[in-house]
Every structure is written in C-alpha cells, then in structure tokens.
Amino acid sequence: MKPGRVIGTVTLSQAAPQFRGARWKVLGAMGPDELSGKNPDGVGPGWTPVVLDQLGAGVGDAVLYVEGTEATQPFDHPIPLDAITVALMDRYVFEPID
C-alpha cells in the first residue's frame, strides 16, 4: 500500500462497461516530508496516479492505494485496472526510522 492525497477528480464521457458509474481520483504522492508535515502542501512532486475510488474520497483526503495485480483483487472477474483506493486515513502518525 502507498499513501497519497486526493488532488482532483476525473470525469469520463465514455468508459468501458466495467467502469460505468465509477469514481476516479487523481492522487498526489505522499513521501516522508508530506507524512511528517515538513511539506505544508501535503503533496510531493512526481507520480500522480489516477485510481478507482469506491470509498468516497474527496479532494484533500489522505488515502492508501494499491497498484498492479493487487488492485484487481476485489473483483471476481478480470478487469483492466491498475490502481484502487483501499483505505481512507482519518489520522496517521509518521515516525521515520533512522
């Protein structure tokens, strides 16, 4: 699982049948600086995946997500999916290990 913060939403005019009505979110990376509060923006530079969200996350929410094969585990049929939210983080404590 990876931590991220919802920084936007995606609206599709057309989608594969498996994804009709699905909610899509754009996530910003959360690394050590974001998790510890050193970066006031709360979003790190770099990779911004688009993930399927079935949890109801909103812009600004901190989430955990998985990518790859793990993202398809909730489905009982093959689905073309690379990333999905798996948890909404209400609160977290980050203590780096030296």
N, C-alpha and C. Protein backbone atom coordinates (compact mmCIF):
# COMPACT_ATOMS: atom_id res chain seq x y z
N MET A 1 0.85 -1.18 0.00
CA MET A 1 0.00 0.00 0.00
C MET A 1 0.89 1.24 0.00
N LYS A 2 0.37 2.26 -0.64
CA LYS A 2 1.09 3.53 -0.72
C LYS A 2 0.17 4.65 -0.24
N PRO A 3 0.73 5.66 0.44
CA PRO A 3 -0.09 6.80 0.86
C PRO A 3 -0.16 7.85 -0.24
N GLY A 4 -1.31 8.49 -0.33
CA GLY A 4 -1.49 9.57 -1.28
C GLY A 4 -2.57 10.52 -0.80
N ARG A 5 -2.63 11.69 -1.42
CA ARG A 5 -3.66 12.67 -1.09
C ARG A 5 -4.44 12.96 -2.37
N VAL A 6 -5.76 12.99 -2.26
CA VAL A 6 -6.60 13.26 -3.42
C VAL A 6 -6.43 14.72 -3.81
N ILE A 7 -5.99 14.93 -5.07
CA ILE A 7 -5.78 16.30 -5.54
C ILE A 7 -6.73 16.68 -6.68
N GLY A 8 -7.56 15.74 -7.11
CA GLY A 8 -8.51 16.05 -8.18
C GLY A 8 -9.38 14.86 -8.52
N THR A 9 -10.33 15.13 -9.39
CA THR A 9 -11.22 14.08 -9.86
C THR A 9 -11.13 14.00 -11.39
N VAL A 10 -11.54 12.88 -11.93
CA VAL A 10 -11.55 12.67 -13.38
C VAL A 10 -12.98 12.38 -13.79
N THR A 11 -13.44 13.05 -14.84
CA THR A 11 -14.76 12.79 -15.39
C THR A 11 -14.59 12.23 -16.79
N LEU A 12 -15.24 11.10 -17.04
CA LEU A 12 -15.14 10.44 -18.34
C LEU A 12 -16.45 10.59 -19.10
N SER A 13 -16.35 10.89 -20.39
CA SER A 13 -17.57 10.94 -21.20
C SER A 13 -17.94 9.56 -21.71
N GLN A 14 -16.95 8.66 -21.80
CA GLN A 14 -17.19 7.28 -22.17
C GLN A 14 -16.26 6.40 -21.35
N ALA A 15 -16.72 5.19 -21.04
CA ALA A 15 -15.92 4.26 -20.27
C ALA A 15 -16.26 2.83 -20.66
N ALA A 16 -15.33 1.93 -20.40
CA ALA A 16 -15.60 0.51 -20.61
C ALA A 16 -16.78 0.12 -19.72
N PRO A 17 -17.55 -0.86 -20.13
CA PRO A 17 -18.74 -1.26 -19.35
C PRO A 17 -18.45 -1.53 -17.88
N GLN A 18 -17.29 -2.09 -17.57
CA GLN A 18 -16.94 -2.38 -16.17
C GLN A 18 -16.84 -1.11 -15.32
N PHE A 19 -16.62 0.03 -15.98
CA PHE A 19 -16.36 1.26 -15.24
C PHE A 19 -17.46 2.30 -15.35
N ARG A 20 -18.58 1.96 -15.90
CA ARG A 20 -19.68 2.93 -15.97
C ARG A 20 -20.14 3.25 -14.55
N GLY A 21 -20.21 4.53 -14.26
CA GLY A 21 -20.61 4.97 -12.93
C GLY A 21 -19.48 4.98 -11.91
N ALA A 22 -18.28 4.60 -12.32
CA ALA A 22 -17.14 4.57 -11.40
C ALA A 22 -16.66 5.98 -11.08
N ARG A 23 -16.07 6.14 -9.91
CA ARG A 23 -15.47 7.41 -9.50
C ARG A 23 -13.96 7.27 -9.61
N TRP A 24 -13.33 8.26 -10.24
CA TRP A 24 -11.89 8.26 -10.45
C TRP A 24 -11.28 9.47 -9.76
N LYS A 25 -10.16 9.26 -9.09
CA LYS A 25 -9.47 10.34 -8.38
C LYS A 25 -8.03 10.43 -8.85
N VAL A 26 -7.47 11.64 -8.82
CA VAL A 26 -6.06 11.87 -9.09
C VAL A 26 -5.39 12.03 -7.73
N LEU A 27 -4.31 11.26 -7.52
CA LEU A 27 -3.62 11.29 -6.23
C LEU A 27 -2.26 11.96 -6.36
N GLY A 28 -1.88 12.68 -5.32
CA GLY A 28 -0.54 13.23 -5.20
C GLY A 28 0.26 12.35 -4.26
N ALA A 29 1.51 12.15 -4.59
CA ALA A 29 2.38 11.31 -3.78
C ALA A 29 2.56 11.89 -2.37
N MET A 30 2.63 11.01 -1.40
CA MET A 30 2.94 11.41 -0.02
C MET A 30 4.17 10.62 0.42
N GLY A 31 5.29 11.33 0.51
CA GLY A 31 6.53 10.72 0.99
C GLY A 31 6.80 11.14 2.42
N PRO A 32 8.01 10.92 2.91
CA PRO A 32 8.34 11.27 4.30
C PRO A 32 8.07 12.73 4.66
N ASP A 33 8.37 13.67 3.76
CA ASP A 33 8.15 15.09 4.08
C ASP A 33 6.67 15.42 4.22
N GLU A 34 5.84 14.80 3.40
CA GLU A 34 4.40 15.05 3.46
C GLU A 34 3.77 14.37 4.68
N LEU A 35 4.21 13.16 4.96
CA LEU A 35 3.67 12.42 6.10
C LEU A 35 4.08 13.03 7.43
N SER A 36 5.26 13.64 7.48
CA SER A 36 5.74 14.24 8.74
C SER A 36 5.31 15.68 8.90
N GLY A 37 4.72 16.28 7.87
CA GLY A 37 4.26 17.67 7.96
C GLY A 37 5.32 18.68 7.55
N LYS A 38 6.49 18.24 7.10
CA LYS A 38 7.55 19.17 6.68
C LYS A 38 7.19 19.90 5.39
N ASN A 39 6.38 19.26 4.55
CA ASN A 39 5.90 19.89 3.32
C ASN A 39 4.48 20.38 3.59
N PRO A 40 4.29 21.69 3.71
CA PRO A 40 2.97 22.22 4.07
C PRO A 40 1.89 21.96 3.02
N ASP A 41 2.29 21.72 1.77
CA ASP A 41 1.30 21.42 0.73
C ASP A 41 0.69 20.04 0.93
N GLY A 42 1.43 19.13 1.56
CA GLY A 42 0.94 17.79 1.80
C GLY A 42 0.99 16.87 0.60
N VAL A 43 1.54 17.37 -0.53
CA VAL A 43 1.65 16.57 -1.74
C VAL A 43 3.06 16.72 -2.29
N GLY A 44 3.70 15.59 -2.51
CA GLY A 44 5.06 15.59 -3.02
C GLY A 44 5.11 15.71 -4.54
N PRO A 45 6.29 15.93 -5.07
CA PRO A 45 6.45 16.01 -6.52
C PRO A 45 6.40 14.61 -7.14
N GLY A 46 6.17 14.57 -8.42
CA GLY A 46 6.27 13.29 -9.12
C GLY A 46 4.96 12.67 -9.49
N TRP A 47 4.95 11.36 -9.47
CA TRP A 47 3.87 10.49 -9.92
C TRP A 47 2.51 10.91 -9.37
N THR A 48 1.53 11.07 -10.25
CA THR A 48 0.15 11.38 -9.84
C THR A 48 -0.79 10.37 -10.49
N PRO A 49 -0.97 9.21 -9.87
CA PRO A 49 -1.81 8.18 -10.49
C PRO A 49 -3.29 8.55 -10.46
N VAL A 50 -4.01 8.01 -11.44
CA VAL A 50 -5.47 8.07 -11.45
C VAL A 50 -5.93 6.72 -10.92
N VAL A 51 -6.76 6.74 -9.87
CA VAL A 51 -7.17 5.49 -9.22
C VAL A 51 -8.69 5.40 -9.16
N LEU A 52 -9.16 4.17 -9.18
CA LEU A 52 -10.58 3.90 -8.98
C LEU A 52 -10.88 4.09 -7.50
N ASP A 53 -11.92 4.85 -7.18
CA ASP A 53 -12.27 5.10 -5.79
C ASP A 53 -13.68 4.61 -5.51
N GLN A 54 -13.80 3.59 -4.69
CA GLN A 54 -15.11 3.08 -4.28
C GLN A 54 -15.39 3.42 -2.82
N LEU A 55 -14.54 4.27 -2.24
CA LEU A 55 -14.68 4.61 -0.82
C LEU A 55 -15.30 5.98 -0.58
N GLY A 56 -15.40 6.79 -1.62
CA GLY A 56 -15.97 8.12 -1.47
C GLY A 56 -14.98 9.17 -1.02
N ALA A 57 -13.72 9.02 -1.38
CA ALA A 57 -12.70 10.00 -1.01
C ALA A 57 -12.97 11.33 -1.72
N GLY A 58 -12.66 12.42 -1.03
CA GLY A 58 -12.82 13.74 -1.60
C GLY A 58 -11.49 14.44 -1.73
N VAL A 59 -11.48 15.54 -2.45
CA VAL A 59 -10.25 16.32 -2.63
C VAL A 59 -9.72 16.72 -1.26
N GLY A 60 -8.43 16.48 -1.04
CA GLY A 60 -7.78 16.79 0.23
C GLY A 60 -7.67 15.61 1.17
N ASP A 61 -8.43 14.54 0.92
CA ASP A 61 -8.38 13.36 1.79
C ASP A 61 -7.09 12.57 1.60
N ALA A 62 -6.56 12.07 2.70
CA ALA A 62 -5.41 11.17 2.66
C ALA A 62 -5.94 9.74 2.52
N VAL A 63 -5.35 8.98 1.61
CA VAL A 63 -5.81 7.62 1.33
C VAL A 63 -4.61 6.68 1.24
N LEU A 64 -4.91 5.40 1.29
CA LEU A 64 -3.94 4.37 0.93
C LEU A 64 -4.45 3.74 -0.36
N TYR A 65 -3.53 3.40 -1.26
CA TYR A 65 -3.93 2.78 -2.51
C TYR A 65 -2.95 1.67 -2.87
N VAL A 66 -3.41 0.77 -3.72
CA VAL A 66 -2.55 -0.29 -4.23
C VAL A 66 -2.56 -0.22 -5.75
N GLU A 67 -1.48 -0.74 -6.32
CA GLU A 67 -1.34 -0.76 -7.78
C GLU A 67 -1.09 -2.18 -8.26
N GLY A 68 -1.27 -2.37 -9.56
CA GLY A 68 -0.95 -3.65 -10.18
C GLY A 68 -1.99 -4.72 -9.88
N THR A 69 -1.52 -5.95 -9.80
CA THR A 69 -2.41 -7.09 -9.60
C THR A 69 -3.25 -6.94 -8.34
N GLU A 70 -2.69 -6.36 -7.30
CA GLU A 70 -3.44 -6.18 -6.04
C GLU A 70 -4.69 -5.33 -6.25
N ALA A 71 -4.66 -4.42 -7.20
CA ALA A 71 -5.81 -3.55 -7.45
C ALA A 71 -7.00 -4.32 -8.01
N THR A 72 -6.76 -5.46 -8.61
CA THR A 72 -7.86 -6.24 -9.20
C THR A 72 -8.45 -7.26 -8.23
N GLN A 73 -7.88 -7.42 -7.06
CA GLN A 73 -8.32 -8.44 -6.11
C GLN A 73 -9.77 -8.31 -5.65
N PRO A 74 -10.35 -7.11 -5.51
CA PRO A 74 -11.74 -7.03 -5.06
C PRO A 74 -12.76 -7.54 -6.09
N PHE A 75 -12.34 -7.80 -7.30
CA PHE A 75 -13.26 -8.17 -8.37
C PHE A 75 -13.18 -9.67 -8.65
N ASP A 76 -14.32 -10.27 -8.93
CA ASP A 76 -14.36 -11.71 -9.19
C ASP A 76 -14.23 -12.04 -10.67
N HIS A 77 -13.90 -11.04 -11.48
CA HIS A 77 -13.73 -11.24 -12.91
C HIS A 77 -12.54 -10.39 -13.37
N PRO A 78 -11.92 -10.74 -14.49
CA PRO A 78 -10.81 -9.92 -14.99
C PRO A 78 -11.28 -8.50 -15.28
N ILE A 79 -10.46 -7.54 -14.90
CA ILE A 79 -10.81 -6.14 -15.09
C ILE A 79 -9.54 -5.34 -15.42
N PRO A 80 -9.61 -4.45 -16.38
CA PRO A 80 -8.41 -3.68 -16.76
C PRO A 80 -8.18 -2.51 -15.81
N LEU A 81 -7.56 -2.78 -14.70
CA LEU A 81 -7.39 -1.78 -13.65
C LEU A 81 -5.97 -1.82 -13.12
N ASP A 82 -5.39 -0.64 -12.86
CA ASP A 82 -4.03 -0.59 -12.36
C ASP A 82 -3.92 -0.05 -10.93
N ALA A 83 -4.91 0.72 -10.44
CA ALA A 83 -4.80 1.28 -9.09
C ALA A 83 -6.18 1.52 -8.50
N ILE A 84 -6.29 1.31 -7.18
CA ILE A 84 -7.57 1.47 -6.48
C ILE A 84 -7.30 1.94 -5.04
N THR A 85 -8.18 2.79 -4.52
CA THR A 85 -8.06 3.19 -3.12
C THR A 85 -8.52 2.02 -2.25
N VAL A 86 -7.83 1.82 -1.13
CA VAL A 86 -8.19 0.72 -0.23
C VAL A 86 -8.49 1.20 1.18
N ALA A 87 -8.16 2.46 1.50
CA ALA A 87 -8.43 2.97 2.85
C ALA A 87 -8.44 4.49 2.84
N LEU A 88 -9.32 5.06 3.66
CA LEU A 88 -9.31 6.49 3.95
C LEU A 88 -8.60 6.66 5.27
N MET A 89 -7.61 7.53 5.32
CA MET A 89 -6.87 7.73 6.57
C MET A 89 -7.47 8.90 7.33
N ASP A 90 -8.11 8.60 8.45
CA ASP A 90 -8.65 9.65 9.30
C ASP A 90 -7.53 10.36 10.05
N ARG A 91 -6.57 9.57 10.48
CA ARG A 91 -5.45 10.10 11.27
C ARG A 91 -4.28 9.16 11.07
N TYR A 92 -3.08 9.70 11.06
CA TYR A 92 -1.89 8.86 10.97
C TYR A 92 -0.75 9.53 11.73
N VAL A 93 0.18 8.71 12.17
CA VAL A 93 1.39 9.19 12.84
C VAL A 93 2.56 8.62 12.07
N PHE A 94 3.47 9.48 11.67
CA PHE A 94 4.64 9.05 10.91
C PHE A 94 5.88 9.33 11.72
N GLU A 95 6.63 8.30 12.01
CA GLU A 95 7.90 8.44 12.72
C GLU A 95 8.97 7.74 11.90
N PRO A 96 9.83 8.53 11.22
CA PRO A 96 10.86 7.92 10.39
C PRO A 96 11.84 7.10 11.22
N ILE A 97 12.29 6.01 10.62
CA ILE A 97 13.29 5.16 11.25
C ILE A 97 14.66 5.61 10.73
N ASP A 98 15.58 5.86 11.64
CA ASP A 98 16.92 6.30 11.23
C ASP A 98 17.74 5.16 10.71
